[in-house]
Amino acid sequence: MLRVQPGDPVNLQNINASDCGNISEVRALEELEKLTERVSDLQELMFAAGQTPLLIVLQGRDTSGKDGTIRHLLKFMNAQATRIAPFKVPTPIEIGHDFLWRIHQQTPMKGETVIFNRSHYEDVLVVRVHDIAPKEVWSKRYEHINHFEQLLVDSGTIILKFFLHISKDEQEERLIARENDPIKSWKLSVGDWKEREFWDDYTKAYDHLLEKCSPEAAPWHVVPANKKWYRNYVITKAIYEALAPFEELWKTKLAILSEQMKAEVAEYRNSTT
């Protein structure tokens, strides 16, 4: 997995979407089992302490595995504390506001985890590739996005951004497999095949946004996603590494709350005897 450094140029054509580093599938799945337990425990602490919001942003081409990643995460994340925010074509009301208006409403509150299925980055992707907005409009949005994310970070939000990187051949295989699967064929869309005609244009748009919008406080992670087991492994590991430094902070907060609750219960009991 590549963590994009601030301002570094990115060329997705040079990143192998099947690269699984030096880890085997067997080893990754063994580690993944341990990681899911730790993330589950940490998220429970985060939720109970009520101090820190977590925002997970998933971006990627059609069939890149955004839904699959969400299904994986929901197997072990706290259902009370986790919410999914999918972003589709803007409604007339949303179009009537600035492009970040609908996004800000879905950001997590303290203790909550929100997973964005697509995100505000669509407004420097689709609008650029299909000339929906002029360059003088969408080109200013990179800076607006950086300021928006900095606002969230300054307010205590942990932001994890994952670009699920698949190859063009892998996407074709997944589209055909979807077509042949009666359980999944409902997801078929002519638009998915039409968008493949703009593969190179989307690649340039992604290269640009990854370079422009990867500050130290909210960097992008490019995830080789041809192998689903590897995608799940590295994303889970990244979530664990982001949450682990807060463990003692949350435990301290919960210890203080526990003492307060015990004192209130003791006072109540004394008042009734």
C-alpha atoms as a PDB file:
ATOM      1  CA  MET A   1       0.000   0.000   0.000  1.00  0.00           C
ATOM      2  CA  LEU A   2       1.340   3.412  -0.974  1.00  0.00           C
ATOM      3  CA  ARG A   3       0.898   6.340   1.382  1.00  0.00           C
ATOM      4  CA  VAL A   4       0.978   9.433  -0.826  1.00  0.00           C
ATOM      5  CA  GLN A   5       3.285  12.077   0.588  1.00  0.00           C
ATOM      6  CA  PRO A   6       2.186  15.740   0.413  1.00  0.00           C
ATOM      7  CA  GLY A   7       2.678  17.112  -3.071  1.00  0.00           C
ATOM      8  CA  ASP A   8       4.275  13.960  -4.470  1.00  0.00           C
ATOM      9  CA  PRO A   9       3.302  13.200  -8.088  1.00  0.00           C
ATOM     10  CA  VAL A  10       1.380   9.960  -8.586  1.00  0.00           C
ATOM     11  CA  ASN A  11       1.274   7.806 -11.697  1.00  0.00           C
ATOM     12  CA  LEU A  12      -1.244   5.000 -11.251  1.00  0.00           C
ATOM     13  CA  GLN A  13      -0.108   3.358 -14.477  1.00  0.00           C
ATOM     14  CA  ASN A  14       3.168   2.551 -12.725  1.00  0.00           C
ATOM     15  CA  ILE A  15       1.521   0.976  -9.661  1.00  0.00           C
ATOM     16  CA  ASN A  16       0.839  -2.752  -9.907  1.00  0.00           C
ATOM     17  CA  ALA A  17      -2.754  -3.354  -8.793  1.00  0.00           C
ATOM     18  CA  SER A  18      -1.893  -7.013  -8.092  1.00  0.00           C
ATOM     19  CA  ASP A  19       1.106  -6.242  -5.876  1.00  0.00           C
ATOM     20  CA  CYS A  20       0.720  -7.969  -2.515  1.00  0.00           C
ATOM     21  CA  GLY A  21       4.048  -6.927  -1.050  1.00  0.00           C
ATOM     22  CA  ASN A  22       5.981  -9.703   0.662  1.00  0.00           C
ATOM     23  CA  ILE A  23       3.057 -11.358   2.412  1.00  0.00           C
ATOM     24  CA  SER A  24       1.276 -14.542   1.396  1.00  0.00           C
ATOM     25  CA  GLU A  25      -2.486 -14.965   1.466  1.00  0.00           C
ATOM     26  CA  VAL A  26      -2.240 -17.519   4.275  1.00  0.00           C
ATOM     27  CA  ARG A  27      -0.105 -15.235   6.442  1.00  0.00           C
ATOM     28  CA  ALA A  28      -2.286 -12.204   5.705  1.00  0.00           C
ATOM     29  CA  LEU A  29      -5.460 -14.022   6.704  1.00  0.00           C
ATOM     30  CA  GLU A  30      -3.826 -15.184   9.947  1.00  0.00           C
ATOM     31  CA  GLU A  31      -2.816 -11.627  10.796  1.00  0.00           C
ATOM     32  CA  LEU A  32      -6.182 -10.289   9.667  1.00  0.00           C
ATOM     33  CA  GLU A  33      -7.988 -12.403  12.246  1.00  0.00           C
ATOM     34  CA  LYS A  34      -5.942 -10.785  15.026  1.00  0.00           C
ATOM     35  CA  LEU A  35      -6.282  -7.306  13.539  1.00  0.00           C
ATOM     36  CA  THR A  36     -10.065  -7.505  13.344  1.00  0.00           C
ATOM     37  CA  GLU A  37     -10.233  -8.337  17.058  1.00  0.00           C
ATOM     38  CA  ARG A  38      -8.002  -5.408  17.950  1.00  0.00           C
ATOM     39  CA  VAL A  39      -9.885  -2.956  15.724  1.00  0.00           C
ATOM     40  CA  SER A  40     -13.180  -4.131  17.216  1.00  0.00           C
ATOM     41  CA  ASP A  41     -11.862  -3.526  20.751  1.00  0.00           C
ATOM     42  CA  LEU A  42     -10.395  -0.138  19.858  1.00  0.00           C
ATOM     43  CA  GLN A  43     -13.530   1.053  18.117  1.00  0.00           C
ATOM     44  CA  GLU A  44     -15.568   0.008  21.149  1.00  0.00           C
ATOM     45  CA  LEU A  45     -13.285   2.135  23.340  1.00  0.00           C
ATOM     46  CA  MET A  46     -13.534   5.045  20.899  1.00  0.00           C
ATOM     47  CA  PHE A  47     -17.328   4.842  20.909  1.00  0.00           C
ATOM     48  CA  ALA A  48     -17.584   4.617  24.686  1.00  0.00           C
ATOM     49  CA  ALA A  49     -15.106   7.434  25.324  1.00  0.00           C
ATOM     50  CA  GLY A  50     -17.013   9.687  22.906  1.00  0.00           C
ATOM     51  CA  GLN A  51     -14.052  11.908  22.130  1.00  0.00           C
ATOM     52  CA  THR A  52     -12.877  11.022  18.624  1.00  0.00           C
ATOM     53  CA  PRO A  53     -14.731  10.777  15.289  1.00  0.00           C
ATOM     54  CA  LEU A  54     -13.407   8.411  12.591  1.00  0.00           C
ATOM     55  CA  LEU A  55     -13.996   9.055   8.898  1.00  0.00           C
ATOM     56  CA  ILE A  56     -13.072   6.355   6.366  1.00  0.00           C
ATOM     57  CA  VAL A  57     -13.185   7.474   2.725  1.00  0.00           C
ATOM     58  CA  LEU A  58     -13.397   4.817   0.004  1.00  0.00           C
ATOM     59  CA  GLN A  59     -12.791   5.867  -3.586  1.00  0.00           C
ATOM     60  CA  GLY A  60     -12.248   3.739  -6.652  1.00  0.00           C
ATOM     61  CA  ARG A  61     -13.496   2.862 -10.075  1.00  0.00           C
ATOM     62  CA  ASP A  62     -16.579   0.736 -10.668  1.00  0.00           C
ATOM     63  CA  THR A  63     -16.083  -2.822  -9.267  1.00  0.00           C
ATOM     64  CA  SER A  64     -12.956  -1.744  -7.352  1.00  0.00           C
ATOM     65  CA  GLY A  65     -14.387  -3.235  -4.155  1.00  0.00           C
ATOM     66  CA  LYS A  66     -15.904  -0.387  -2.160  1.00  0.00           C
ATOM     67  CA  ASP A  67     -18.989  -2.446  -1.258  1.00  0.00           C
ATOM     68  CA  GLY A  68     -16.856  -5.491  -0.523  1.00  0.00           C
ATOM     69  CA  THR A  69     -14.617  -3.492   1.777  1.00  0.00           C
ATOM     70  CA  ILE A  70     -17.652  -2.182   3.654  1.00  0.00           C
ATOM     71  CA  ARG A  71     -19.047  -5.709   4.054  1.00  0.00           C
ATOM     72  CA  HIS A  72     -15.684  -6.811   5.429  1.00  0.00           C
ATOM     73  CA  LEU A  73     -15.491  -3.945   7.940  1.00  0.00           C
ATOM     74  CA  LEU A  74     -19.052  -4.415   9.145  1.00  0.00           C
ATOM     75  CA  LYS A  75     -18.275  -7.990  10.173  1.00  0.00           C
ATOM     76  CA  PHE A  76     -16.323  -6.760  13.183  1.00  0.00           C
ATOM     77  CA  MET A  77     -17.059  -3.070  13.684  1.00  0.00           C
ATOM     78  CA  ASN A  78     -19.621  -1.928  16.273  1.00  0.00           C
ATOM     79  CA  ALA A  79     -23.005  -1.595  14.572  1.00  0.00           C
ATOM     80  CA  GLN A  80     -24.125   1.068  17.061  1.00  0.00           C
ATOM     81  CA  ALA A  81     -21.120   3.217  16.293  1.00  0.00           C
ATOM     82  CA  THR A  82     -20.802   2.738  12.530  1.00  0.00           C
ATOM     83  CA  ARG A  83     -22.696   4.413   9.721  1.00  0.00           C
ATOM     84  CA  ILE A  84     -22.380   4.176   5.928  1.00  0.00           C
ATOM     85  CA  ALA A  85     -22.773   7.296   3.789  1.00  0.00           C
ATOM     86  CA  PRO A  86     -23.073   6.522   0.054  1.00  0.00           C
ATOM     87  CA  PHE A  87     -22.824   9.429  -2.365  1.00  0.00           C
ATOM     88  CA  LYS A  88     -24.654   9.075  -5.652  1.00  0.00           C
ATOM     89  CA  VAL A  89     -25.664  11.642  -8.269  1.00  0.00           C
ATOM     90  CA  PRO A  90     -26.532  14.881  -6.422  1.00  0.00           C
ATOM     91  CA  THR A  91     -30.214  15.677  -5.934  1.00  0.00           C
ATOM     92  CA  PRO A  92     -31.649  19.022  -7.124  1.00  0.00           C
ATOM     93  CA  ILE A  93     -31.485  20.293  -3.533  1.00  0.00           C
ATOM     94  CA  GLU A  94     -27.843  19.243  -3.205  1.00  0.00           C
ATOM     95  CA  ILE A  95     -26.951  20.839  -6.535  1.00  0.00           C
ATOM     96  CA  GLY A  96     -28.518  24.044  -5.243  1.00  0.00           C
ATOM     97  CA  HIS A  97     -25.811  24.261  -2.540  1.00  0.00           C
ATOM     98  CA  ASP A  98     -22.032  24.301  -2.618  1.00  0.00           C
ATOM     99  CA  PHE A  99     -20.465  20.920  -3.438  1.00  0.00           C
ATOM    100  CA  LEU A 100     -19.398  20.233   0.156  1.00  0.00           C
ATOM    101  CA  TRP A 101     -22.822  20.939   1.687  1.00  0.00           C
ATOM    102  CA  ARG A 102     -24.107  17.373   1.409  1.00  0.00           C
ATOM    103  CA  ILE A 103     -20.751  15.985   2.522  1.00  0.00           C
ATOM    104  CA  HIS A 104     -20.450  17.958   5.750  1.00  0.00           C
ATOM    105  CA  GLN A 105     -23.860  16.718   6.908  1.00  0.00           C
ATOM    106  CA  GLN A 106     -22.594  13.134   6.841  1.00  0.00           C
ATOM    107  CA  THR A 107     -19.326  13.558   8.742  1.00  0.00           C
ATOM    108  CA  PRO A 108     -19.010  11.581  12.000  1.00  0.00           C
ATOM    109  CA  MET A 109     -19.790  12.952  15.427  1.00  0.00           C
ATOM    110  CA  LYS A 110     -17.542  12.214  18.412  1.00  0.00           C
ATOM    111  CA  GLY A 111     -17.204   8.483  19.009  1.00  0.00           C
ATOM    112  CA  GLU A 112     -18.823   7.595  15.686  1.00  0.00           C
ATOM    113  CA  THR A 113     -17.330   5.896  12.632  1.00  0.00           C
ATOM    114  CA  VAL A 114     -18.628   6.910   9.205  1.00  0.00           C
ATOM    115  CA  ILE A 115     -17.594   5.173   5.993  1.00  0.00           C
ATOM    116  CA  PHE A 116     -17.967   7.205   2.807  1.00  0.00           C
ATOM    117  CA  ASN A 117     -18.816   5.077  -0.243  1.00  0.00           C
ATOM    118  CA  ARG A 118     -17.498   7.570  -2.800  1.00  0.00           C
ATOM    119  CA  SER A 119     -17.172  11.091  -1.492  1.00  0.00           C
ATOM    120  CA  HIS A 120     -16.519  14.776  -2.133  1.00  0.00           C
ATOM    121  CA  TYR A 121     -13.791  13.673  -4.545  1.00  0.00           C
ATOM    122  CA  GLU A 122     -16.438  12.856  -7.141  1.00  0.00           C
ATOM    123  CA  ASP A 123     -16.614  16.619  -7.651  1.00  0.00           C
ATOM    124  CA  VAL A 124     -13.090  16.697  -9.073  1.00  0.00           C
ATOM    125  CA  LEU A 125     -13.506  13.426 -10.987  1.00  0.00           C
ATOM    126  CA  VAL A 126     -16.803  13.021 -12.832  1.00  0.00           C
ATOM    127  CA  VAL A 127     -17.268  16.749 -13.351  1.00  0.00           C
ATOM    128  CA  ARG A 128     -13.776  16.955 -14.822  1.00  0.00           C
ATOM    129  CA  VAL A 129     -13.894  13.874 -17.052  1.00  0.00           C
ATOM    130  CA  HIS A 130     -17.351  14.664 -18.454  1.00  0.00           C
ATOM    131  CA  ASP A 131     -17.002  18.460 -18.579  1.00  0.00           C
ATOM    132  CA  ILE A 132     -19.955  18.913 -16.237  1.00  0.00           C
ATOM    133  CA  ALA A 133     -18.273  21.956 -14.721  1.00  0.00           C
ATOM    134  CA  PRO A 134     -15.636  24.225 -16.302  1.00  0.00           C
ATOM    135  CA  LYS A 135     -11.999  23.886 -15.255  1.00  0.00           C
ATOM    136  CA  GLU A 136     -12.088  27.262 -13.516  1.00  0.00           C
ATOM    137  CA  VAL A 137     -14.700  25.763 -11.160  1.00  0.00           C
ATOM    138  CA  TRP A 138     -13.398  22.248 -10.409  1.00  0.00           C
ATOM    139  CA  SER A 139      -9.731  23.299 -10.278  1.00  0.00           C
ATOM    140  CA  LYS A 140     -10.469  25.446  -7.192  1.00  0.00           C
ATOM    141  CA  ARG A 141     -12.059  22.537  -5.369  1.00  0.00           C
ATOM    142  CA  TYR A 142      -8.782  20.835  -4.428  1.00  0.00           C
ATOM    143  CA  GLU A 143      -7.951  23.697  -2.093  1.00  0.00           C
ATOM    144  CA  HIS A 144     -11.507  23.770  -0.729  1.00  0.00           C
ATOM    145  CA  ILE A 145     -11.276  20.028  -0.024  1.00  0.00           C
ATOM    146  CA  ASN A 146      -7.964  20.412   1.782  1.00  0.00           C
ATOM    147  CA  HIS A 147      -9.380  23.196   3.961  1.00  0.00           C
ATOM    148  CA  PHE A 148     -12.520  21.144   4.664  1.00  0.00           C
ATOM    149  CA  GLU A 149     -10.534  18.094   5.739  1.00  0.00           C
ATOM    150  CA  GLN A 150      -8.213  20.240   7.847  1.00  0.00           C
ATOM    151  CA  LEU A 151     -11.276  21.615   9.624  1.00  0.00           C
ATOM    152  CA  LEU A 152     -12.349  18.065  10.447  1.00  0.00           C
ATOM    153  CA  VAL A 153      -8.865  17.121  11.652  1.00  0.00           C
ATOM    154  CA  ASP A 154      -8.636  20.270  13.779  1.00  0.00           C
ATOM    155  CA  SER A 155     -11.939  19.220  15.332  1.00  0.00           C
ATOM    156  CA  GLY A 156     -10.425  15.871  16.342  1.00  0.00           C
ATOM    157  CA  THR A 157     -11.491  13.666  13.431  1.00  0.00           C
ATOM    158  CA  ILE A 158      -9.266  10.816  12.278  1.00  0.00           C
ATOM    159  CA  ILE A 159      -9.442  10.701   8.470  1.00  0.00           C
ATOM    160  CA  LEU A 160      -8.398   7.589   6.543  1.00  0.00           C
ATOM    161  CA  LYS A 161      -8.625   7.811   2.746  1.00  0.00           C
ATOM    162  CA  PHE A 162      -8.264   4.692   0.605  1.00  0.00           C
ATOM    163  CA  PHE A 163      -8.112   4.612  -3.192  1.00  0.00           C
ATOM    164  CA  LEU A 164      -8.904   1.053  -4.311  1.00  0.00           C
ATOM    165  CA  HIS A 165      -6.639   0.543  -7.310  1.00  0.00           C
ATOM    166  CA  ILE A 166      -7.620  -2.157  -9.817  1.00  0.00           C
ATOM    167  CA  SER A 167      -6.397  -2.842 -13.335  1.00  0.00           C
ATOM    168  CA  LYS A 168      -8.508  -2.429 -16.437  1.00  0.00           C
ATOM    169  CA  ASP A 169      -8.378  -6.176 -17.137  1.00  0.00           C
ATOM    170  CA  GLU A 170      -9.478  -6.975 -13.583  1.00  0.00           C
ATOM    171  CA  GLN A 171     -12.411  -4.602 -13.893  1.00  0.00           C
ATOM    172  CA  GLU A 172     -13.525  -6.307 -17.099  1.00  0.00           C
ATOM    173  CA  GLU A 173     -13.363  -9.727 -15.410  1.00  0.00           C
ATOM    174  CA  ARG A 174     -15.430  -8.469 -12.487  1.00  0.00           C
ATOM    175  CA  LEU A 175     -18.048  -6.884 -14.750  1.00  0.00           C
ATOM    176  CA  ILE A 176     -18.437 -10.117 -16.711  1.00  0.00           C
ATOM    177  CA  ALA A 177     -18.570 -12.168 -13.486  1.00  0.00           C
ATOM    178  CA  ARG A 178     -21.280  -9.845 -12.191  1.00  0.00           C
ATOM    179  CA  GLU A 179     -23.245 -10.343 -15.398  1.00  0.00           C
ATOM    180  CA  ASN A 180     -23.051 -14.119 -15.025  1.00  0.00           C
ATOM    181  CA  ASP A 181     -24.027 -14.155 -11.351  1.00  0.00           C
ATOM    182  CA  PRO A 182     -27.827 -14.081 -10.857  1.00  0.00           C
ATOM    183  CA  ILE A 183     -27.334 -12.832  -7.300  1.00  0.00           C
ATOM    184  CA  LYS A 184     -25.196  -9.867  -8.349  1.00  0.00           C
ATOM    185  CA  SER A 185     -26.465  -9.083 -11.850  1.00  0.00           C
ATOM    186  CA  TRP A 186     -28.951  -6.578 -10.431  1.00  0.00           C
ATOM    187  CA  LYS A 187     -25.937  -4.301 -10.019  1.00  0.00           C
ATOM    188  CA  LEU A 188     -25.332  -4.268 -13.786  1.00  0.00           C
ATOM    189  CA  SER A 189     -25.271  -0.896 -15.464  1.00  0.00           C
ATOM    190  CA  VAL A 190     -24.590   0.093 -19.056  1.00  0.00           C
ATOM    191  CA  GLY A 191     -22.900   3.117 -17.525  1.00  0.00           C
ATOM    192  CA  ASP A 192     -20.183   0.901 -16.050  1.00  0.00           C
ATOM    193  CA  TRP A 193     -19.159  -0.209 -19.525  1.00  0.00           C
ATOM    194  CA  LYS A 194     -19.479   3.279 -20.965  1.00  0.00           C
ATOM    195  CA  GLU A 195     -17.237   4.712 -18.255  1.00  0.00           C
ATOM    196  CA  ARG A 196     -14.477   2.279 -19.306  1.00  0.00           C
ATOM    197  CA  GLU A 197     -14.125   4.361 -22.458  1.00  0.00           C
ATOM    198  CA  PHE A 198     -12.817   7.152 -20.210  1.00  0.00           C
ATOM    199  CA  TRP A 199     -10.308   4.963 -18.348  1.00  0.00           C
ATOM    200  CA  ASP A 200      -7.284   7.098 -19.223  1.00  0.00           C
ATOM    201  CA  ASP A 201      -9.132  10.340 -18.447  1.00  0.00           C
ATOM    202  CA  TYR A 202     -10.100   9.020 -15.013  1.00  0.00           C
ATOM    203  CA  THR A 203      -6.534   7.870 -14.437  1.00  0.00           C
ATOM    204  CA  LYS A 204      -5.253  11.406 -15.037  1.00  0.00           C
ATOM    205  CA  ALA A 205      -7.959  12.852 -12.800  1.00  0.00           C
ATOM    206  CA  TYR A 206      -7.082  10.414  -9.995  1.00  0.00           C
ATOM    207  CA  ASP A 207      -3.361  11.092 -10.405  1.00  0.00           C
ATOM    208  CA  HIS A 208      -4.055  14.789 -10.009  1.00  0.00           C
ATOM    209  CA  LEU A 209      -6.307  14.577  -6.955  1.00  0.00           C
ATOM    210  CA  LEU A 210      -3.950  12.146  -5.201  1.00  0.00           C
ATOM    211  CA  GLU A 211      -1.158  14.665  -5.655  1.00  0.00           C
ATOM    212  CA  LYS A 212      -3.202  17.735  -4.747  1.00  0.00           C
ATOM    213  CA  CYS A 213      -5.161  16.379  -1.775  1.00  0.00           C
ATOM    214  CA  SER A 214      -2.822  14.254   0.325  1.00  0.00           C
ATOM    215  CA  PRO A 215      -1.710  16.502   3.214  1.00  0.00           C
ATOM    216  CA  GLU A 216       0.084  15.047   6.221  1.00  0.00           C
ATOM    217  CA  ALA A 217      -3.070  15.249   8.349  1.00  0.00           C
ATOM    218  CA  ALA A 218      -5.247  13.368   5.840  1.00  0.00           C
ATOM    219  CA  PRO A 219      -3.091  11.434   3.371  1.00  0.00           C
ATOM    220  CA  TRP A 220      -4.262   9.133   0.623  1.00  0.00           C
ATOM    221  CA  HIS A 221      -3.452   5.417   0.679  1.00  0.00           C
ATOM    222  CA  VAL A 222      -3.332   3.722  -2.723  1.00  0.00           C
ATOM    223  CA  VAL A 223      -4.440   0.115  -2.137  1.00  0.00           C
ATOM    224  CA  PRO A 224      -3.590  -2.524  -4.761  1.00  0.00           C
ATOM    225  CA  ALA A 225      -7.049  -4.078  -4.891  1.00  0.00           C
ATOM    226  CA  ASN A 226      -6.960  -6.792  -7.541  1.00  0.00           C
ATOM    227  CA  LYS A 227      -6.637  -9.320  -4.705  1.00  0.00           C
ATOM    228  CA  LYS A 228      -9.553  -8.894  -2.308  1.00  0.00           C
ATOM    229  CA  TRP A 229      -7.800 -10.631   0.605  1.00  0.00           C
ATOM    230  CA  TYR A 230      -4.895  -8.201   0.354  1.00  0.00           C
ATOM    231  CA  ARG A 231      -7.219  -5.195   0.098  1.00  0.00           C
ATOM    232  CA  ASN A 232      -9.022  -6.231   3.289  1.00  0.00           C
ATOM    233  CA  TYR A 233      -5.772  -6.941   5.084  1.00  0.00           C
ATOM    234  CA  VAL A 234      -4.004  -3.625   4.412  1.00  0.00           C
ATOM    235  CA  ILE A 235      -7.092  -1.500   5.058  1.00  0.00           C
ATOM    236  CA  THR A 236      -7.775  -3.241   8.373  1.00  0.00           C
ATOM    237  CA  LYS A 237      -4.127  -2.859   9.347  1.00  0.00           C
ATOM    238  CA  ALA A 238      -4.201   0.860   8.507  1.00  0.00           C
ATOM    239  CA  ILE A 239      -7.315   1.359  10.648  1.00  0.00           C
ATOM    240  CA  TYR A 240      -5.652  -0.452  13.552  1.00  0.00           C
ATOM    241  CA  GLU A 241      -2.496   1.650  13.255  1.00  0.00           C
ATOM    242  CA  ALA A 242      -4.574   4.851  13.220  1.00  0.00           C
ATOM    243  CA  LEU A 243      -6.605   3.932  16.310  1.00  0.00           C
ATOM    244  CA  ALA A 244      -3.952   2.244  18.468  1.00  0.00           C
ATOM    245  CA  PRO A 245      -2.176   5.475  19.577  1.00  0.00           C
ATOM    246  CA  PHE A 246      -5.430   6.674  21.176  1.00  0.00           C
ATOM    247  CA  GLU A 247      -6.009   3.570  23.292  1.00  0.00           C
ATOM    248  CA  GLU A 248      -4.615   4.934  26.557  1.00  0.00           C
ATOM    249  CA  LEU A 249      -6.361   8.285  26.067  1.00  0.00           C
ATOM    250  CA  TRP A 250      -9.719   6.541  25.701  1.00  0.00           C
ATOM    251  CA  LYS A 251      -9.070   4.202  28.617  1.00  0.00           C
ATOM    252  CA  THR A 252      -8.184   7.177  30.818  1.00  0.00           C
ATOM    253  CA  LYS A 253     -11.405   8.940  29.826  1.00  0.00           C
ATOM    254  CA  LEU A 254     -13.432   5.805  30.572  1.00  0.00           C
ATOM    255  CA  ALA A 255     -11.705   5.339  33.933  1.00  0.00           C
ATOM    256  CA  ILE A 256     -12.719   8.887  34.922  1.00  0.00           C
ATOM    257  CA  LEU A 257     -16.290   8.273  33.743  1.00  0.00           C
ATOM    258  CA  SER A 258     -16.381   5.001  35.673  1.00  0.00           C
ATOM    259  CA  GLU A 259     -15.395   6.713  38.915  1.00  0.00           C
ATOM    260  CA  GLN A 260     -18.038   9.377  38.356  1.00  0.00           C
ATOM    261  CA  MET A 261     -20.724   6.753  37.721  1.00  0.00           C
ATOM    262  CA  LYS A 262     -19.683   4.749  40.796  1.00  0.00           C
ATOM    263  CA  ALA A 263     -19.848   7.887  42.927  1.00  0.00           C
ATOM    264  CA  GLU A 264     -23.337   8.697  41.642  1.00  0.00           C
ATOM    265  CA  VAL A 265     -24.533   5.154  42.359  1.00  0.00           C
ATOM    266  CA  ALA A 266     -22.984   5.211  45.849  1.00  0.00           C
ATOM    267  CA  GLU A 267     -24.625   8.572  46.585  1.00  0.00           C
ATOM    268  CA  TYR A 268     -27.990   7.217  45.460  1.00  0.00           C
ATOM    269  CA  ARG A 269     -27.669   4.141  47.631  1.00  0.00           C
ATOM    270  CA  ASN A 270     -26.697   6.188  50.652  1.00  0.00           C
ATOM    271  CA  SER A 271     -29.690   8.461  50.141  1.00  0.00           C
ATOM    272  CA  THR A 272     -32.106   5.520  50.144  1.00  0.00           C
ATOM    273  CA  THR A 273     -30.810   3.811  53.315  1.00  0.00           C
END
